[in-house]
Amino acid sequence: ARSFADIGDIIRGKDLYLGGNTKEKRQRQKIEDNLKEIFENIQSSNGELERLPLDKIREYWWDANRKEVWKAITCSAATGNKYFRGTCGDKENTATQASHQCRCGDGKSKVGTHDSDRVPTYFDYVPQYLRWFEEWA
């Protein structure tokens, strides 16, 4: 989930990590330049997005595609692998662990119609510095 959240931060332009050395900083800048170009292309190809600032387009893209990013990260996970917290279900006290390739449900539902398509974490919406506190505490 932390890697997933970090990817979300990078895509949305909210990553606080600036790189420790010159090589890392150059790589980070190259990634940022590529993402900026990608989102400018998305913006120019969709008339409805032309008035929005790039940071809003990046947020919109992440919100629309985070499920697909999660699937890409977990697609090779074994069927019995479980997400470390109970996050499937509507109630916190009865939530179950995501156990089908770290996804909710049994994985047999139609796309978009069931919990099997849901990302079992909202860490990507927790500010990065707070995730760091939890990770390093």
C-alpha atoms as a PDB file:
ATOM      1  CA  ALA A   1       0.000   0.000   0.000  1.00  0.00           C
ATOM      2  CA  ARG A   2       2.867   2.365   0.689  1.00  0.00           C
ATOM      3  CA  SER A   3       4.312   1.893  -2.793  1.00  0.00           C
ATOM      4  CA  PHE A   4       0.828   2.403  -4.232  1.00  0.00           C
ATOM      5  CA  ALA A   5       0.434   5.612  -2.245  1.00  0.00           C
ATOM      6  CA  ASP A   6       3.890   6.782  -3.312  1.00  0.00           C
ATOM      7  CA  ILE A   7       2.968   6.216  -6.967  1.00  0.00           C
ATOM      8  CA  GLY A   8      -0.160   8.284  -6.363  1.00  0.00           C
ATOM      9  CA  ASP A   9       1.925  11.085  -4.868  1.00  0.00           C
ATOM     10  CA  ILE A  10       4.290  11.076  -7.840  1.00  0.00           C
ATOM     11  CA  ILE A  11       1.484  11.076 -10.410  1.00  0.00           C
ATOM     12  CA  ARG A  12      -0.396  13.844  -8.591  1.00  0.00           C
ATOM     13  CA  GLY A  13       2.780  15.908  -8.173  1.00  0.00           C
ATOM     14  CA  LYS A  14       2.691  15.704  -4.364  1.00  0.00           C
ATOM     15  CA  ASP A  15       5.784  13.616  -3.665  1.00  0.00           C
ATOM     16  CA  LEU A  16       7.851  15.218  -0.904  1.00  0.00           C
ATOM     17  CA  TYR A  17      10.968  13.153  -1.558  1.00  0.00           C
ATOM     18  CA  LEU A  18      13.340  15.266  -3.605  1.00  0.00           C
ATOM     19  CA  GLY A  19      16.163  12.760  -4.052  1.00  0.00           C
ATOM     20  CA  GLY A  20      19.290  12.469  -1.975  1.00  0.00           C
ATOM     21  CA  ASN A  21      21.999  12.906  -4.574  1.00  0.00           C
ATOM     22  CA  THR A  22      22.430  14.562  -7.951  1.00  0.00           C
ATOM     23  CA  LYS A  23      21.612  11.410  -9.946  1.00  0.00           C
ATOM     24  CA  GLU A  24      18.360  10.841  -8.028  1.00  0.00           C
ATOM     25  CA  LYS A  25      17.409  14.490  -8.449  1.00  0.00           C
ATOM     26  CA  ARG A  26      17.977  14.278 -12.213  1.00  0.00           C
ATOM     27  CA  GLN A  27      15.875  11.112 -12.400  1.00  0.00           C
ATOM     28  CA  ARG A  28      13.077  12.723 -10.379  1.00  0.00           C
ATOM     29  CA  GLN A  29      13.140  15.775 -12.639  1.00  0.00           C
ATOM     30  CA  LYS A  30      13.017  13.577 -15.749  1.00  0.00           C
ATOM     31  CA  ILE A  31       9.989  11.720 -14.362  1.00  0.00           C
ATOM     32  CA  GLU A  32       8.295  15.003 -13.486  1.00  0.00           C
ATOM     33  CA  ASP A  33       9.002  16.442 -16.958  1.00  0.00           C
ATOM     34  CA  ASN A  34       7.577  13.313 -18.609  1.00  0.00           C
ATOM     35  CA  LEU A  35       4.468  13.398 -16.434  1.00  0.00           C
ATOM     36  CA  LYS A  36       3.978  17.089 -17.162  1.00  0.00           C
ATOM     37  CA  GLU A  37       4.153  16.362 -20.902  1.00  0.00           C
ATOM     38  CA  ILE A  38       1.694  13.461 -20.576  1.00  0.00           C
ATOM     39  CA  PHE A  39      -0.834  15.548 -18.666  1.00  0.00           C
ATOM     40  CA  GLU A  40      -0.430  18.503 -21.041  1.00  0.00           C
ATOM     41  CA  ASN A  41      -1.260  16.102 -23.898  1.00  0.00           C
ATOM     42  CA  ILE A  42      -4.333  14.879 -22.006  1.00  0.00           C
ATOM     43  CA  GLN A  43      -5.337  18.479 -21.395  1.00  0.00           C
ATOM     44  CA  SER A  44      -4.928  19.575 -25.025  1.00  0.00           C
ATOM     45  CA  SER A  45      -6.781  16.540 -26.401  1.00  0.00           C
ATOM     46  CA  ASN A  46      -9.880  17.133 -24.268  1.00  0.00           C
ATOM     47  CA  GLY A  47     -11.633  20.473 -24.672  1.00  0.00           C
ATOM     48  CA  GLU A  48     -13.344  20.156 -21.294  1.00  0.00           C
ATOM     49  CA  LEU A  49      -9.973  20.037 -19.538  1.00  0.00           C
ATOM     50  CA  GLU A  50      -8.361  23.033 -21.250  1.00  0.00           C
ATOM     51  CA  ARG A  51      -9.396  25.457 -18.500  1.00  0.00           C
ATOM     52  CA  LEU A  52      -8.265  23.252 -15.627  1.00  0.00           C
ATOM     53  CA  PRO A  53      -4.777  23.614 -14.137  1.00  0.00           C
ATOM     54  CA  LEU A  54      -2.474  20.612 -14.573  1.00  0.00           C
ATOM     55  CA  ASP A  55      -2.561  19.727 -10.875  1.00  0.00           C
ATOM     56  CA  LYS A  56      -6.362  19.267 -11.077  1.00  0.00           C
ATOM     57  CA  ILE A  57      -5.983  17.091 -14.188  1.00  0.00           C
ATOM     58  CA  ARG A  58      -3.388  14.978 -12.393  1.00  0.00           C
ATOM     59  CA  GLU A  59      -5.746  14.549  -9.420  1.00  0.00           C
ATOM     60  CA  TYR A  60      -8.620  13.659 -11.743  1.00  0.00           C
ATOM     61  CA  TRP A  61      -6.499  11.119 -13.629  1.00  0.00           C
ATOM     62  CA  TRP A  62      -5.371   9.444 -10.400  1.00  0.00           C
ATOM     63  CA  ASP A  63      -8.913   9.262  -9.055  1.00  0.00           C
ATOM     64  CA  ALA A  64     -10.151   7.741 -12.319  1.00  0.00           C
ATOM     65  CA  ASN A  65      -7.275   5.254 -12.695  1.00  0.00           C
ATOM     66  CA  ARG A  66      -6.104   4.318  -9.184  1.00  0.00           C
ATOM     67  CA  LYS A  67      -8.077   1.070  -9.385  1.00  0.00           C
ATOM     68  CA  GLU A  68      -6.178   0.073 -12.537  1.00  0.00           C
ATOM     69  CA  VAL A  69      -2.830   0.962 -10.942  1.00  0.00           C
ATOM     70  CA  TRP A  70      -3.719  -1.234  -7.934  1.00  0.00           C
ATOM     71  CA  LYS A  71      -4.634  -4.099 -10.266  1.00  0.00           C
ATOM     72  CA  ALA A  72      -1.334  -3.704 -12.115  1.00  0.00           C
ATOM     73  CA  ILE A  73       0.610  -3.824  -8.845  1.00  0.00           C
ATOM     74  CA  THR A  74      -1.267  -6.850  -7.510  1.00  0.00           C
ATOM     75  CA  CYS A  75      -1.877  -8.852 -10.701  1.00  0.00           C
ATOM     76  CA  SER A  76       0.922 -11.309  -9.979  1.00  0.00           C
ATOM     77  CA  ALA A  77       0.029 -11.712  -6.308  1.00  0.00           C
ATOM     78  CA  ALA A  78      -0.999 -15.233  -5.380  1.00  0.00           C
ATOM     79  CA  THR A  79      -4.714 -15.825  -4.933  1.00  0.00           C
ATOM     80  CA  GLY A  80      -4.332 -16.345  -1.175  1.00  0.00           C
ATOM     81  CA  ASN A  81      -2.346 -13.162  -0.555  1.00  0.00           C
ATOM     82  CA  LYS A  82      -4.098 -10.789   1.812  1.00  0.00           C
ATOM     83  CA  TYR A  83      -3.907  -7.073   2.356  1.00  0.00           C
ATOM     84  CA  PHE A  84      -2.657  -6.448   5.900  1.00  0.00           C
ATOM     85  CA  ARG A  85      -5.763  -4.657   7.206  1.00  0.00           C
ATOM     86  CA  GLY A  86      -9.442  -5.457   7.097  1.00  0.00           C
ATOM     87  CA  THR A  87     -10.798  -2.980   4.567  1.00  0.00           C
ATOM     88  CA  CYS A  88     -13.472  -4.854   2.593  1.00  0.00           C
ATOM     89  CA  GLY A  89     -17.043  -4.098   3.615  1.00  0.00           C
ATOM     90  CA  ASP A  90     -19.058  -1.124   4.721  1.00  0.00           C
ATOM     91  CA  LYS A  91     -18.471  -1.311   8.468  1.00  0.00           C
ATOM     92  CA  GLU A  92     -15.136  -0.876  10.167  1.00  0.00           C
ATOM     93  CA  ASN A  93     -15.789  -3.449  12.893  1.00  0.00           C
ATOM     94  CA  THR A  94     -16.821  -6.191  10.418  1.00  0.00           C
ATOM     95  CA  ALA A  95     -14.403  -5.426   7.580  1.00  0.00           C
ATOM     96  CA  THR A  96     -12.549  -8.388   6.104  1.00  0.00           C
ATOM     97  CA  GLN A  97      -9.119  -8.629   4.549  1.00  0.00           C
ATOM     98  CA  ALA A  98      -8.746  -8.322   0.789  1.00  0.00           C
ATOM     99  CA  SER A  99      -7.774 -11.874  -0.041  1.00  0.00           C
ATOM    100  CA  HIS A 100      -8.081 -12.254  -3.820  1.00  0.00           C
ATOM    101  CA  GLN A 101      -4.782 -10.867  -5.112  1.00  0.00           C
ATOM    102  CA  CYS A 102      -5.056  -8.214  -2.395  1.00  0.00           C
ATOM    103  CA  ARG A 103      -8.474  -7.147  -3.709  1.00  0.00           C
ATOM    104  CA  CYS A 104     -11.910  -7.232  -2.114  1.00  0.00           C
ATOM    105  CA  GLY A 105     -14.461  -9.860  -3.114  1.00  0.00           C
ATOM    106  CA  ASP A 106     -13.936 -13.197  -4.818  1.00  0.00           C
ATOM    107  CA  GLY A 107     -12.601 -11.784  -8.077  1.00  0.00           C
ATOM    108  CA  LYS A 108     -15.444 -13.323 -10.092  1.00  0.00           C
ATOM    109  CA  SER A 109     -17.724 -10.295 -10.297  1.00  0.00           C
ATOM    110  CA  LYS A 110     -18.128  -8.207 -13.417  1.00  0.00           C
ATOM    111  CA  VAL A 111     -15.777  -5.249 -13.653  1.00  0.00           C
ATOM    112  CA  GLY A 112     -17.119  -2.192 -11.879  1.00  0.00           C
ATOM    113  CA  THR A 113     -20.014  -3.939 -10.175  1.00  0.00           C
ATOM    114  CA  HIS A 114     -18.619  -5.262  -6.932  1.00  0.00           C
ATOM    115  CA  ASP A 115     -16.028  -4.861  -4.209  1.00  0.00           C
ATOM    116  CA  SER A 116     -13.662  -7.051  -6.243  1.00  0.00           C
ATOM    117  CA  ASP A 117     -12.766  -3.932  -8.198  1.00  0.00           C
ATOM    118  CA  ARG A 118     -12.141  -1.806  -5.128  1.00  0.00           C
ATOM    119  CA  VAL A 119      -8.715  -0.758  -3.962  1.00  0.00           C
ATOM    120  CA  PRO A 120      -8.523  -1.865  -0.300  1.00  0.00           C
ATOM    121  CA  THR A 121      -6.624   1.197   0.891  1.00  0.00           C
ATOM    122  CA  TYR A 122      -6.909   4.941   1.063  1.00  0.00           C
ATOM    123  CA  PHE A 123      -3.254   5.461   1.998  1.00  0.00           C
ATOM    124  CA  ASP A 124      -2.862   7.294  -1.295  1.00  0.00           C
ATOM    125  CA  TYR A 125      -5.064  10.069   0.122  1.00  0.00           C
ATOM    126  CA  VAL A 126      -3.192  10.302   3.430  1.00  0.00           C
ATOM    127  CA  PRO A 127      -0.571  13.072   3.272  1.00  0.00           C
ATOM    128  CA  GLN A 128       2.867  11.613   2.665  1.00  0.00           C
ATOM    129  CA  TYR A 129       4.431  13.095   5.803  1.00  0.00           C
ATOM    130  CA  LEU A 130       1.777  11.368   7.952  1.00  0.00           C
ATOM    131  CA  ARG A 131       2.473   8.049   6.237  1.00  0.00           C
ATOM    132  CA  TRP A 132       6.159   8.612   6.998  1.00  0.00           C
ATOM    133  CA  PHE A 133       5.325   9.172  10.683  1.00  0.00           C
ATOM    134  CA  GLU A 134       3.481   5.855  10.801  1.00  0.00           C
ATOM    135  CA  GLU A 135       6.197   4.036   8.876  1.00  0.00           C
ATOM    136  CA  TRP A 136       9.131   5.360  10.907  1.00  0.00           C
ATOM    137  CA  ALA A 137       7.442   5.561  14.326  1.00  0.00           C
END
